[in-house]
Each structure stands twice: as C-alpha cells, then as structure tokens.
Amino acid sequence: AAVLRIEFSPEVADRAIEDVLRDNGSRGRHAAGFTVPVGYRVLVRDKP
C-alpha cells in the first residue's frame, strides 16, 4: 500500500490496492507475500 500510494493519486491507489489484494487473496498467498505482474519496455539503440 505504501508503494502504490506514492505512485498513484489517492483514488487510483485505493483501486490498485484493492485489485492486488483481491488477486492475491486477503492473506497474500501466505509466505509468498503479495505479487503484481508489471509490464516494461526495454528500449535499446546502438551508436553506429
């Protein structure tokens, strides 16, 4: 919750936290904690 609250507005952060808790189950899959899949782009340009 602390991390999502510095990344999003309060309303969106609340929604994101709810989504993650729902997707992980309220106890966070026990010892595994809470996981979130996050997409990235790795962009590379070579100098000639």
All heavy atoms as atom14 arrays in JSON, in Angstrom:
{
  "sequence": "AAVLRIEFSPEVADRAIEDVLRDNGSRGRHAAGFTVPVGYRVLVRDKP",
  "atom14_mask": [
    [1, 1, 1, 1, 1, 0, 0, 0, 0, 0, 0, 0, 0, 0],
    [1, 1, 1, 1, 1, 0, 0, 0, 0, 0, 0, 0, 0, 0],
    [1, 1, 1, 1, 1, 1, 1, 0, 0, 0, 0, 0, 0, 0],
    [1, 1, 1, 1, 1, 1, 1, 1, 0, 0, 0, 0, 0, 0],
    [1, 1, 1, 1, 1, 1, 1, 1, 1, 1, 1, 0, 0, 0],
    [1, 1, 1, 1, 1, 1, 1, 1, 0, 0, 0, 0, 0, 0],
    [1, 1, 1, 1, 1, 1, 1, 1, 1, 0, 0, 0, 0, 0],
    [1, 1, 1, 1, 1, 1, 1, 1, 1, 1, 1, 0, 0, 0],
    [1, 1, 1, 1, 1, 1, 0, 0, 0, 0, 0, 0, 0, 0],
    [1, 1, 1, 1, 1, 1, 1, 0, 0, 0, 0, 0, 0, 0],
    [1, 1, 1, 1, 1, 1, 1, 1, 1, 0, 0, 0, 0, 0],
    [1, 1, 1, 1, 1, 1, 1, 0, 0, 0, 0, 0, 0, 0],
    [1, 1, 1, 1, 1, 0, 0, 0, 0, 0, 0, 0, 0, 0],
    [1, 1, 1, 1, 1, 1, 1, 1, 0, 0, 0, 0, 0, 0],
    [1, 1, 1, 1, 1, 1, 1, 1, 1, 1, 1, 0, 0, 0],
    [1, 1, 1, 1, 1, 0, 0, 0, 0, 0, 0, 0, 0, 0],
    [1, 1, 1, 1, 1, 1, 1, 1, 0, 0, 0, 0, 0, 0],
    [1, 1, 1, 1, 1, 1, 1, 1, 1, 0, 0, 0, 0, 0],
    [1, 1, 1, 1, 1, 1, 1, 1, 0, 0, 0, 0, 0, 0],
    [1, 1, 1, 1, 1, 1, 1, 0, 0, 0, 0, 0, 0, 0],
    [1, 1, 1, 1, 1, 1, 1, 1, 0, 0, 0, 0, 0, 0],
    [1, 1, 1, 1, 1, 1, 1, 1, 1, 1, 1, 0, 0, 0],
    [1, 1, 1, 1, 1, 1, 1, 1, 0, 0, 0, 0, 0, 0],
    [1, 1, 1, 1, 1, 1, 1, 1, 0, 0, 0, 0, 0, 0],
    [1, 1, 1, 1, 0, 0, 0, 0, 0, 0, 0, 0, 0, 0],
    [1, 1, 1, 1, 1, 1, 0, 0, 0, 0, 0, 0, 0, 0],
    [1, 1, 1, 1, 1, 1, 1, 1, 1, 1, 1, 0, 0, 0],
    [1, 1, 1, 1, 0, 0, 0, 0, 0, 0, 0, 0, 0, 0],
    [1, 1, 1, 1, 1, 1, 1, 1, 1, 1, 1, 0, 0, 0],
    [1, 1, 1, 1, 1, 1, 1, 1, 1, 1, 0, 0, 0, 0],
    [1, 1, 1, 1, 1, 0, 0, 0, 0, 0, 0, 0, 0, 0],
    [1, 1, 1, 1, 1, 0, 0, 0, 0, 0, 0, 0, 0, 0],
    [1, 1, 1, 1, 0, 0, 0, 0, 0, 0, 0, 0, 0, 0],
    [1, 1, 1, 1, 1, 1, 1, 1, 1, 1, 1, 0, 0, 0],
    [1, 1, 1, 1, 1, 1, 1, 0, 0, 0, 0, 0, 0, 0],
    [1, 1, 1, 1, 1, 1, 1, 0, 0, 0, 0, 0, 0, 0],
    [1, 1, 1, 1, 1, 1, 1, 0, 0, 0, 0, 0, 0, 0],
    [1, 1, 1, 1, 1, 1, 1, 0, 0, 0, 0, 0, 0, 0],
    [1, 1, 1, 1, 0, 0, 0, 0, 0, 0, 0, 0, 0, 0],
    [1, 1, 1, 1, 1, 1, 1, 1, 1, 1, 1, 1, 0, 0],
    [1, 1, 1, 1, 1, 1, 1, 1, 1, 1, 1, 0, 0, 0],
    [1, 1, 1, 1, 1, 1, 1, 0, 0, 0, 0, 0, 0, 0],
    [1, 1, 1, 1, 1, 1, 1, 1, 0, 0, 0, 0, 0, 0],
    [1, 1, 1, 1, 1, 1, 1, 0, 0, 0, 0, 0, 0, 0],
    [1, 1, 1, 1, 1, 1, 1, 1, 1, 1, 1, 0, 0, 0],
    [1, 1, 1, 1, 1, 1, 1, 1, 0, 0, 0, 0, 0, 0],
    [1, 1, 1, 1, 1, 1, 1, 1, 1, 0, 0, 0, 0, 0],
    [1, 1, 1, 1, 1, 1, 1, 0, 0, 0, 0, 0, 0, 0]
  ],
  "atom14_positions": [
    [[0.82, -1.2, 0.0], [0.0, 0.0, 0.0], [0.86, 1.26, 0.0], [0.57, 2.23, -0.71], [-0.93, 0.0, 1.21], [0.0, 0.0, 0.0], [0.0, 0.0, 0.0], [0.0, 0.0, 0.0], [0.0, 0.0, 0.0], [0.0, 0.0, 0.0], [0.0, 0.0, 0.0], [0.0, 0.0, 0.0], [0.0, 0.0, 0.0], [0.0, 0.0, 0.0]],
    [[1.95, 1.24, 0.77], [2.82, 2.42, 0.83], [3.4, 2.75, -0.53], [3.45, 3.92, -0.94], [3.93, 2.18, 1.85], [0.0, 0.0, 0.0], [0.0, 0.0, 0.0], [0.0, 0.0, 0.0], [0.0, 0.0, 0.0], [0.0, 0.0, 0.0], [0.0, 0.0, 0.0], [0.0, 0.0, 0.0], [0.0, 0.0, 0.0], [0.0, 0.0, 0.0]],
    [[3.84, 1.73, -1.26], [4.44, 1.96, -2.58], [3.4, 2.45, -3.58], [3.64, 3.42, -4.31], [5.11, 0.67, -3.08], [5.44, 0.78, -4.57], [6.36, 0.39, -2.27], [0.0, 0.0, 0.0], [0.0, 0.0, 0.0], [0.0, 0.0, 0.0], [0.0, 0.0, 0.0], [0.0, 0.0, 0.0], [0.0, 0.0, 0.0], [0.0, 0.0, 0.0]],
    [[2.24, 1.81, -3.62], [1.23, 2.24, -4.58], [0.74, 3.66, -4.29], [0.36, 4.38, -5.21], [0.06, 1.25, -4.59], [0.4, -0.15, -5.12], [-0.82, -1.05, -5.08], [0.97, -0.08, -6.54], [0.0, 0.0, 0.0], [0.0, 0.0, 0.0], [0.0, 0.0, 0.0], [0.0, 0.0, 0.0], [0.0, 0.0, 0.0], [0.0, 0.0, 0.0]],
    [[0.8, 4.08, -3.04], [0.34, 5.43, -2.7], [1.32, 6.52, -3.1], [0.94, 7.69, -3.19], [0.02, 5.51, -1.21], [-1.19, 4.69, -0.81], [-1.72, 5.04, 0.57], [-2.75, 4.1, 0.99], [-4.0, 4.09, 0.54], [-4.36, 5.01, -0.35], [-4.87, 3.2, 0.96], [0.0, 0.0, 0.0], [0.0, 0.0, 0.0], [0.0, 0.0, 0.0]],
    [[2.59, 6.17, -3.37], [3.5, 7.2, -3.88], [3.55, 7.18, -5.41], [4.16, 8.06, -6.03], [4.92, 7.06, -3.32], [5.63, 5.81, -3.84], [4.91, 7.12, -1.8], [7.12, 5.79, -3.55], [0.0, 0.0, 0.0], [0.0, 0.0, 0.0], [0.0, 0.0, 0.0], [0.0, 0.0, 0.0], [0.0, 0.0, 0.0], [0.0, 0.0, 0.0]],
    [[2.89, 6.19, -6.02], [2.9, 6.09, -7.48], [1.61, 6.63, -8.11], [1.63, 7.02, -9.28], [3.1, 4.64, -7.92], [4.5, 4.11, -7.65], [5.56, 4.83, -8.48], [5.21, 5.49, -9.47], [6.74, 4.74, -8.12], [0.0, 0.0, 0.0], [0.0, 0.0, 0.0], [0.0, 0.0, 0.0], [0.0, 0.0, 0.0], [0.0, 0.0, 0.0]],
    [[0.52, 6.64, -7.36], [-0.77, 6.99, -7.95], [-1.51, 7.99, -7.07], [-1.19, 8.18, -5.9], [-1.63, 5.73, -8.13], [-0.99, 4.68, -9.0], [-0.49, 3.51, -8.46], [-0.86, 4.89, -10.37], [0.11, 2.55, -9.25], [-0.26, 3.93, -11.17], [0.23, 2.76, -10.61], [0.0, 0.0, 0.0], [0.0, 0.0, 0.0], [0.0, 0.0, 0.0]],
    [[-2.52, 8.63, -7.68], [-3.4, 9.5, -6.91], [-4.13, 8.66, -5.86], [-4.23, 7.44, -5.99], [-4.41, 10.16, -7.85], [-5.27, 9.17, -8.42], [0.0, 0.0, 0.0], [0.0, 0.0, 0.0], [0.0, 0.0, 0.0], [0.0, 0.0, 0.0], [0.0, 0.0, 0.0], [0.0, 0.0, 0.0], [0.0, 0.0, 0.0], [0.0, 0.0, 0.0]],
    [[-4.65, 9.29, -4.8], [-5.3, 8.5, -3.74], [-6.41, 7.59, -4.26], [-6.52, 6.43, -3.84], [-5.85, 9.58, -2.8], [-4.91, 10.73, -2.97], [-4.52, 10.72, -4.43], [0.0, 0.0, 0.0], [0.0, 0.0, 0.0], [0.0, 0.0, 0.0], [0.0, 0.0, 0.0], [0.0, 0.0, 0.0], [0.0, 0.0, 0.0], [0.0, 0.0, 0.0]],
    [[-7.24, 8.1, -5.16], [-8.36, 7.29, -5.67], [-7.85, 6.08, -6.45], [-8.33, 4.96, -6.25], [-9.25, 8.15, -6.57], [-10.42, 7.38, -7.17], [-11.27, 8.24, -8.09], [-10.98, 9.46, -8.19], [-12.2, 7.7, -8.71], [0.0, 0.0, 0.0], [0.0, 0.0, 0.0], [0.0, 0.0, 0.0], [0.0, 0.0, 0.0], [0.0, 0.0, 0.0]],
    [[-6.87, 6.3, -7.33], [-6.35, 5.19, -8.13], [-5.55, 4.23, -7.26], [-5.61, 3.01, -7.45], [-5.51, 5.73, -9.3], [-4.82, 4.59, -10.04], [-6.39, 6.53, -10.26], [0.0, 0.0, 0.0], [0.0, 0.0, 0.0], [0.0, 0.0, 0.0], [0.0, 0.0, 0.0], [0.0, 0.0, 0.0], [0.0, 0.0, 0.0], [0.0, 0.0, 0.0]],
    [[-4.8, 4.76, -6.29], [-4.05, 3.89, -5.39], [-4.99, 2.97, -4.62], [-4.71, 1.76, -4.47], [-3.22, 4.72, -4.43], [0.0, 0.0, 0.0], [0.0, 0.0, 0.0], [0.0, 0.0, 0.0], [0.0, 0.0, 0.0], [0.0, 0.0, 0.0], [0.0, 0.0, 0.0], [0.0, 0.0, 0.0], [0.0, 0.0, 0.0], [0.0, 0.0, 0.0]],
    [[-6.11, 3.5, -4.13], [-7.08, 2.66, -3.42], [-7.59, 1.54, -4.31], [-7.72, 0.38, -3.89], [-8.26, 3.51, -2.94], [-7.9, 4.4, -1.76], [-6.88, 4.14, -1.1], [-8.67, 5.35, -1.48], [0.0, 0.0, 0.0], [0.0, 0.0, 0.0], [0.0, 0.0, 0.0], [0.0, 0.0, 0.0], [0.0, 0.0, 0.0], [0.0, 0.0, 0.0]],
    [[-7.85, 1.88, -5.57], [-8.34, 0.88, -6.52], [-7.27, -0.17, -6.79], [-7.56, -1.37, -6.85], [-8.74, 1.58, -7.82], [-9.46, 0.7, -8.83], [-9.67, 1.45, -10.14], [-10.12, 2.83, -9.9], [-10.06, 3.79, -10.81], [-9.56, 3.54, -12.01], [-10.49, 5.0, -10.53], [0.0, 0.0, 0.0], [0.0, 0.0, 0.0], [0.0, 0.0, 0.0]],
    [[-6.02, 0.28, -6.95], [-4.92, -0.65, -7.22], [-4.69, -1.59, -6.05], [-4.49, -2.8, -6.24], [-3.65, 0.12, -7.54], [0.0, 0.0, 0.0], [0.0, 0.0, 0.0], [0.0, 0.0, 0.0], [0.0, 0.0, 0.0], [0.0, 0.0, 0.0], [0.0, 0.0, 0.0], [0.0, 0.0, 0.0], [0.0, 0.0, 0.0], [0.0, 0.0, 0.0]],
    [[-4.71, -1.06, -4.84], [-4.52, -1.9, -3.65], [-5.62, -2.95, -3.57], [-5.37, -4.13, -3.31], [-4.51, -1.01, -2.38], [-3.27, -0.1, -2.39], [-4.53, -1.88, -1.12], [-3.34, 1.03, -1.39], [0.0, 0.0, 0.0], [0.0, 0.0, 0.0], [0.0, 0.0, 0.0], [0.0, 0.0, 0.0], [0.0, 0.0, 0.0], [0.0, 0.0, 0.0]],
    [[-6.85, -2.53, -3.81], [-7.98, -3.47, -3.79], [-7.8, -4.55, -4.85], [-8.04, -5.74, -4.58], [-9.28, -2.7, -4.04], [-10.52, -3.57, -4.01], [-11.79, -2.77, -4.26], [-11.71, -1.52, -4.25], [-12.85, -3.39, -4.47], [0.0, 0.0, 0.0], [0.0, 0.0, 0.0], [0.0, 0.0, 0.0], [0.0, 0.0, 0.0], [0.0, 0.0, 0.0]],
    [[-7.35, -4.17, -6.04], [-7.14, -5.15, -7.11], [-6.09, -6.18, -6.7], [-6.27, -7.39, -6.91], [-6.68, -4.45, -8.39], [-7.78, -3.65, -9.07], [-8.96, -3.83, -8.7], [-7.45, -2.85, -9.96], [0.0, 0.0, 0.0], [0.0, 0.0, 0.0], [0.0, 0.0, 0.0], [0.0, 0.0, 0.0], [0.0, 0.0, 0.0], [0.0, 0.0, 0.0]],
    [[-4.98, -5.71, -6.13], [-3.9, -6.64, -5.77], [-4.32, -7.56, -4.64], [-4.05, -8.77, -4.67], [-2.62, -5.86, -5.4], [-1.53, -6.82, -4.95], [-2.13, -5.03, -6.58], [0.0, 0.0, 0.0], [0.0, 0.0, 0.0], [0.0, 0.0, 0.0], [0.0, 0.0, 0.0], [0.0, 0.0, 0.0], [0.0, 0.0, 0.0], [0.0, 0.0, 0.0]],
    [[-4.97, -7.01, -3.64], [-5.44, -7.85, -2.53], [-6.41, -8.92, -3.02], [-6.35, -10.08, -2.6], [-6.08, -6.99, -1.44], [-5.16, -6.01, -0.71], [-5.95, -5.22, 0.32], [-4.01, -6.75, -0.05], [0.0, 0.0, 0.0], [0.0, 0.0, 0.0], [0.0, 0.0, 0.0], [0.0, 0.0, 0.0], [0.0, 0.0, 0.0], [0.0, 0.0, 0.0]],
    [[-7.29, -8.53, -3.92], [-8.25, -9.49, -4.48], [-7.53, -10.57, -5.28], [-7.81, -11.76, -5.11], [-9.26, -8.77, -5.37], [-10.33, -9.7, -5.95], [-11.1, -9.04, -7.08], [-10.21, -8.73, -8.2], [-10.0, -7.5, -8.66], [-10.58, -6.46, -8.12], [-9.17, -7.31, -9.68], [0.0, 0.0, 0.0], [0.0, 0.0, 0.0], [0.0, 0.0, 0.0]],
    [[-6.6, -10.16, -6.12], [-5.92, -11.12, -6.98], [-5.03, -12.07, -6.19], [-4.79, -13.21, -6.61], [-5.08, -10.39, -8.03], [-5.93, -9.64, -9.04], [-7.15, -9.94, -9.12], [-5.39, -8.75, -9.74], [0.0, 0.0, 0.0], [0.0, 0.0, 0.0], [0.0, 0.0, 0.0], [0.0, 0.0, 0.0], [0.0, 0.0, 0.0], [0.0, 0.0, 0.0]],
    [[-4.51, -11.62, -5.04], [-3.62, -12.45, -4.24], [-4.33, -13.2, -3.11], [-3.74, -14.08, -2.5], [-2.5, -11.59, -3.63], [-1.42, -11.24, -4.62], [-0.4, -11.91, -4.69], [-1.63, -10.18, -5.4], [0.0, 0.0, 0.0], [0.0, 0.0, 0.0], [0.0, 0.0, 0.0], [0.0, 0.0, 0.0], [0.0, 0.0, 0.0], [0.0, 0.0, 0.0]],
    [[-5.57, -12.81, -2.85], [-6.22, -13.35, -1.66], [-5.85, -12.47, -0.48], [-4.75, -11.92, -0.42], [0.0, 0.0, 0.0], [0.0, 0.0, 0.0], [0.0, 0.0, 0.0], [0.0, 0.0, 0.0], [0.0, 0.0, 0.0], [0.0, 0.0, 0.0], [0.0, 0.0, 0.0], [0.0, 0.0, 0.0], [0.0, 0.0, 0.0], [0.0, 0.0, 0.0]],
    [[-6.72, -12.32, 0.46], [-6.54, -11.35, 1.54], [-5.29, -11.58, 2.37], [-4.75, -10.67, 2.98], [-7.77, -11.34, 2.46], [-7.95, -12.63, 3.04], [0.0, 0.0, 0.0], [0.0, 0.0, 0.0], [0.0, 0.0, 0.0], [0.0, 0.0, 0.0], [0.0, 0.0, 0.0], [0.0, 0.0, 0.0], [0.0, 0.0, 0.0], [0.0, 0.0, 0.0]],
    [[-4.76, -12.82, 2.39], [-3.58, -13.11, 3.2], [-2.3, -13.15, 2.38], [-1.24, -13.48, 2.89], [-3.77, -14.44, 3.94], [-4.91, -14.4, 4.96], [-5.05, -15.71, 5.68], [-3.84, -16.03, 6.43], [-3.65, -17.19, 7.06], [-4.57, -18.13, 6.98], [-2.55, -17.4, 7.73], [0.0, 0.0, 0.0], [0.0, 0.0, 0.0], [0.0, 0.0, 0.0]],
    [[-2.39, -12.82, 1.1], [-1.19, -12.71, 0.3], [-0.49, -14.02, 0.03], [0.74, -14.08, 0.02], [0.0, 0.0, 0.0], [0.0, 0.0, 0.0], [0.0, 0.0, 0.0], [0.0, 0.0, 0.0], [0.0, 0.0, 0.0], [0.0, 0.0, 0.0], [0.0, 0.0, 0.0], [0.0, 0.0, 0.0], [0.0, 0.0, 0.0], [0.0, 0.0, 0.0]],
    [[-1.25, -15.06, -0.2], [-0.65, -16.36, -0.52], [0.35, -16.8, 0.53], [1.41, -17.34, 0.26], [0.01, -16.31, -1.9], [-1.0, -16.09, -3.02], [-0.31, -16.06, -4.37], [-1.27, -15.8, -5.44], [-0.93, -15.59, -6.7], [0.34, -15.61, -7.05], [-1.85, -15.36, -7.61], [0.0, 0.0, 0.0], [0.0, 0.0, 0.0], [0.0, 0.0, 0.0]],
    [[0.02, -16.52, 1.77], [0.82, -16.97, 2.91], [2.25, -16.42, 2.81], [2.46, -15.24, 2.67], [0.77, -18.49, 3.01], [-0.64, -19.01, 3.01], [-1.48, -18.85, 4.08], [-1.34, -19.69, 2.07], [-2.66, -19.4, 3.81], [-2.6, -19.91, 2.6], [0.0, 0.0, 0.0], [0.0, 0.0, 0.0], [0.0, 0.0, 0.0], [0.0, 0.0, 0.0]],
    [[3.26, -17.3, 2.83], [4.65, -16.87, 2.89], [5.11, -16.19, 1.61], [6.13, -15.48, 1.6], [5.55, -18.06, 3.19], [0.0, 0.0, 0.0], [0.0, 0.0, 0.0], [0.0, 0.0, 0.0], [0.0, 0.0, 0.0], [0.0, 0.0, 0.0], [0.0, 0.0, 0.0], [0.0, 0.0, 0.0], [0.0, 0.0, 0.0], [0.0, 0.0, 0.0]],
    [[4.4, -16.4, 0.51], [4.83, -15.82, -0.76], [4.61, -14.32, -0.81], [5.18, -13.64, -1.68], [4.09, -16.49, -1.92], [0.0, 0.0, 0.0], [0.0, 0.0, 0.0], [0.0, 0.0, 0.0], [0.0, 0.0, 0.0], [0.0, 0.0, 0.0], [0.0, 0.0, 0.0], [0.0, 0.0, 0.0], [0.0, 0.0, 0.0], [0.0, 0.0, 0.0]],
    [[3.81, -13.76, 0.07], [3.55, -12.33, 0.05], [2.59, -11.95, -1.06], [1.81, -12.77, -1.55], [0.0, 0.0, 0.0], [0.0, 0.0, 0.0], [0.0, 0.0, 0.0], [0.0, 0.0, 0.0], [0.0, 0.0, 0.0], [0.0, 0.0, 0.0], [0.0, 0.0, 0.0], [0.0, 0.0, 0.0], [0.0, 0.0, 0.0], [0.0, 0.0, 0.0]],
    [[2.67, -10.69, -1.46], [1.77, -10.16, -2.47], [2.56, -9.89, -3.75], [3.58, -9.21, -3.72], [1.13, -8.85, -1.99], [0.26, -9.03, -0.78], [0.81, -9.06, 0.5], [-1.1, -9.17, -0.92], [0.01, -9.23, 1.62], [-1.92, -9.33, 0.2], [-1.36, -9.37, 1.46], [0.0, 0.0, 0.0], [0.0, 0.0, 0.0], [0.0, 0.0, 0.0]],
    [[2.11, -10.41, -4.87], [2.81, -10.23, -6.14], [1.95, -9.45, -7.13], [0.72, -9.53, -7.1], [3.21, -11.57, -6.77], [2.03, -12.33, -7.05], [4.12, -12.36, -5.84], [0.0, 0.0, 0.0], [0.0, 0.0, 0.0], [0.0, 0.0, 0.0], [0.0, 0.0, 0.0], [0.0, 0.0, 0.0], [0.0, 0.0, 0.0], [0.0, 0.0, 0.0]],
    [[2.63, -8.7, -8.0], [1.98, -7.92, -9.03], [2.77, -8.09, -10.33], [3.98, -7.82, -10.35], [1.94, -6.41, -8.66], [1.15, -5.63, -9.71], [1.39, -6.19, -7.27], [0.0, 0.0, 0.0], [0.0, 0.0, 0.0], [0.0, 0.0, 0.0], [0.0, 0.0, 0.0], [0.0, 0.0, 0.0], [0.0, 0.0, 0.0], [0.0, 0.0, 0.0]],
    [[2.13, -8.51, -11.43], [2.84, -8.53, -12.72], [2.87, -7.11, -13.29], [1.85, -6.43, -13.34], [1.98, -9.46, -13.57], [0.6, -9.32, -13.01], [0.76, -9.05, -11.54], [0.0, 0.0, 0.0], [0.0, 0.0, 0.0], [0.0, 0.0, 0.0], [0.0, 0.0, 0.0], [0.0, 0.0, 0.0], [0.0, 0.0, 0.0], [0.0, 0.0, 0.0]],
    [[4.05, -6.67, -13.7], [4.21, -5.31, -14.21], [4.95, -5.37, -15.54], [6.03, -5.96, -15.64], [4.98, -4.42, -13.21], [5.15, -3.0, -13.78], [4.25, -4.37, -11.87], [0.0, 0.0, 0.0], [0.0, 0.0, 0.0], [0.0, 0.0, 0.0], [0.0, 0.0, 0.0], [0.0, 0.0, 0.0], [0.0, 0.0, 0.0], [0.0, 0.0, 0.0]],
    [[4.37, -4.76, -16.57], [4.97, -4.75, -17.9], [5.97, -3.62, -18.07], [5.75, -2.5, -17.61], [0.0, 0.0, 0.0], [0.0, 0.0, 0.0], [0.0, 0.0, 0.0], [0.0, 0.0, 0.0], [0.0, 0.0, 0.0], [0.0, 0.0, 0.0], [0.0, 0.0, 0.0], [0.0, 0.0, 0.0], [0.0, 0.0, 0.0], [0.0, 0.0, 0.0]],
    [[7.06, -3.93, -18.75], [8.11, -2.95, -19.06], [8.44, -3.01, -20.55], [8.23, -4.01, -21.22], [9.39, -3.24, -18.28], [9.31, -2.97, -16.8], [8.81, -3.93, -15.93], [9.76, -1.76, -16.27], [8.74, -3.7, -14.57], [9.71, -1.52, -14.9], [9.18, -2.5, -14.06], [9.12, -2.26, -12.71], [0.0, 0.0, 0.0], [0.0, 0.0, 0.0]],
    [[9.03, -1.93, -21.03], [9.67, -1.9, -22.33], [11.16, -1.7, -22.11], [11.56, -0.77, -21.39], [9.14, -0.76, -23.2], [7.7, -0.88, -23.6], [7.21, 0.41, -24.22], [7.42, 1.54, -23.29], [7.07, 2.78, -23.55], [6.5, 3.07, -24.69], [7.29, 3.73, -22.67], [0.0, 0.0, 0.0], [0.0, 0.0, 0.0], [0.0, 0.0, 0.0]],
    [[11.98, -2.54, -22.7], [13.42, -2.34, -22.71], [13.77, -1.86, -24.11], [13.67, -2.61, -25.08], [14.19, -3.62, -22.36], [15.69, -3.38, -22.43], [13.79, -4.11, -20.96], [0.0, 0.0, 0.0], [0.0, 0.0, 0.0], [0.0, 0.0, 0.0], [0.0, 0.0, 0.0], [0.0, 0.0, 0.0], [0.0, 0.0, 0.0], [0.0, 0.0, 0.0]],
    [[14.13, -0.59, -24.22], [14.4, 0.06, -25.49], [15.91, 0.25, -25.64], [16.56, 0.81, -24.75], [13.71, 1.42, -25.55], [12.18, 1.38, -25.45], [11.65, 2.65, -24.8], [11.57, 1.18, -26.82], [0.0, 0.0, 0.0], [0.0, 0.0, 0.0], [0.0, 0.0, 0.0], [0.0, 0.0, 0.0], [0.0, 0.0, 0.0], [0.0, 0.0, 0.0]],
    [[16.47, -0.22, -26.74], [17.92, -0.17, -26.93], [18.23, 0.4, -28.31], [17.64, 0.0, -29.32], [18.56, -1.57, -26.79], [20.07, -1.49, -26.99], [18.24, -2.16, -25.42], [0.0, 0.0, 0.0], [0.0, 0.0, 0.0], [0.0, 0.0, 0.0], [0.0, 0.0, 0.0], [0.0, 0.0, 0.0], [0.0, 0.0, 0.0], [0.0, 0.0, 0.0]],
    [[19.18, 1.34, -28.32], [19.68, 1.89, -29.58], [21.2, 1.88, -29.55], [21.82, 2.39, -28.62], [19.18, 3.32, -29.79], [19.59, 3.91, -31.15], [18.93, 5.24, -31.41], [19.52, 6.33, -30.64], [19.09, 7.59, -30.69], [18.06, 7.9, -31.46], [19.67, 8.53, -29.96], [0.0, 0.0, 0.0], [0.0, 0.0, 0.0], [0.0, 0.0, 0.0]],
    [[21.79, 1.28, -30.59], [23.25, 1.2, -30.69], [23.78, 2.44, -31.41], [23.2, 2.9, -32.4], [23.66, -0.05, -31.45], [23.16, -1.32, -30.8], [23.31, -1.43, -29.56], [22.61, -2.18, -31.5], [0.0, 0.0, 0.0], [0.0, 0.0, 0.0], [0.0, 0.0, 0.0], [0.0, 0.0, 0.0], [0.0, 0.0, 0.0], [0.0, 0.0, 0.0]],
    [[24.9, 2.93, -30.94], [25.56, 4.04, -31.64], [26.4, 3.46, -32.78], [27.16, 2.51, -32.57], [26.46, 4.82, -30.68], [27.11, 6.03, -31.35], [27.85, 6.89, -30.34], [28.49, 8.09, -31.02], [29.16, 8.99, -30.06], [0.0, 0.0, 0.0], [0.0, 0.0, 0.0], [0.0, 0.0, 0.0], [0.0, 0.0, 0.0], [0.0, 0.0, 0.0]],
    [[26.25, 4.0, -33.97], [26.98, 3.43, -35.12], [28.49, 3.48, -34.91], [29.02, 4.37, -34.24], [26.56, 4.33, -36.29], [25.3, 4.98, -35.85], [25.39, 5.12, -34.37], [0.0, 0.0, 0.0], [0.0, 0.0, 0.0], [0.0, 0.0, 0.0], [0.0, 0.0, 0.0], [0.0, 0.0, 0.0], [0.0, 0.0, 0.0], [0.0, 0.0, 0.0]]
  ]
}
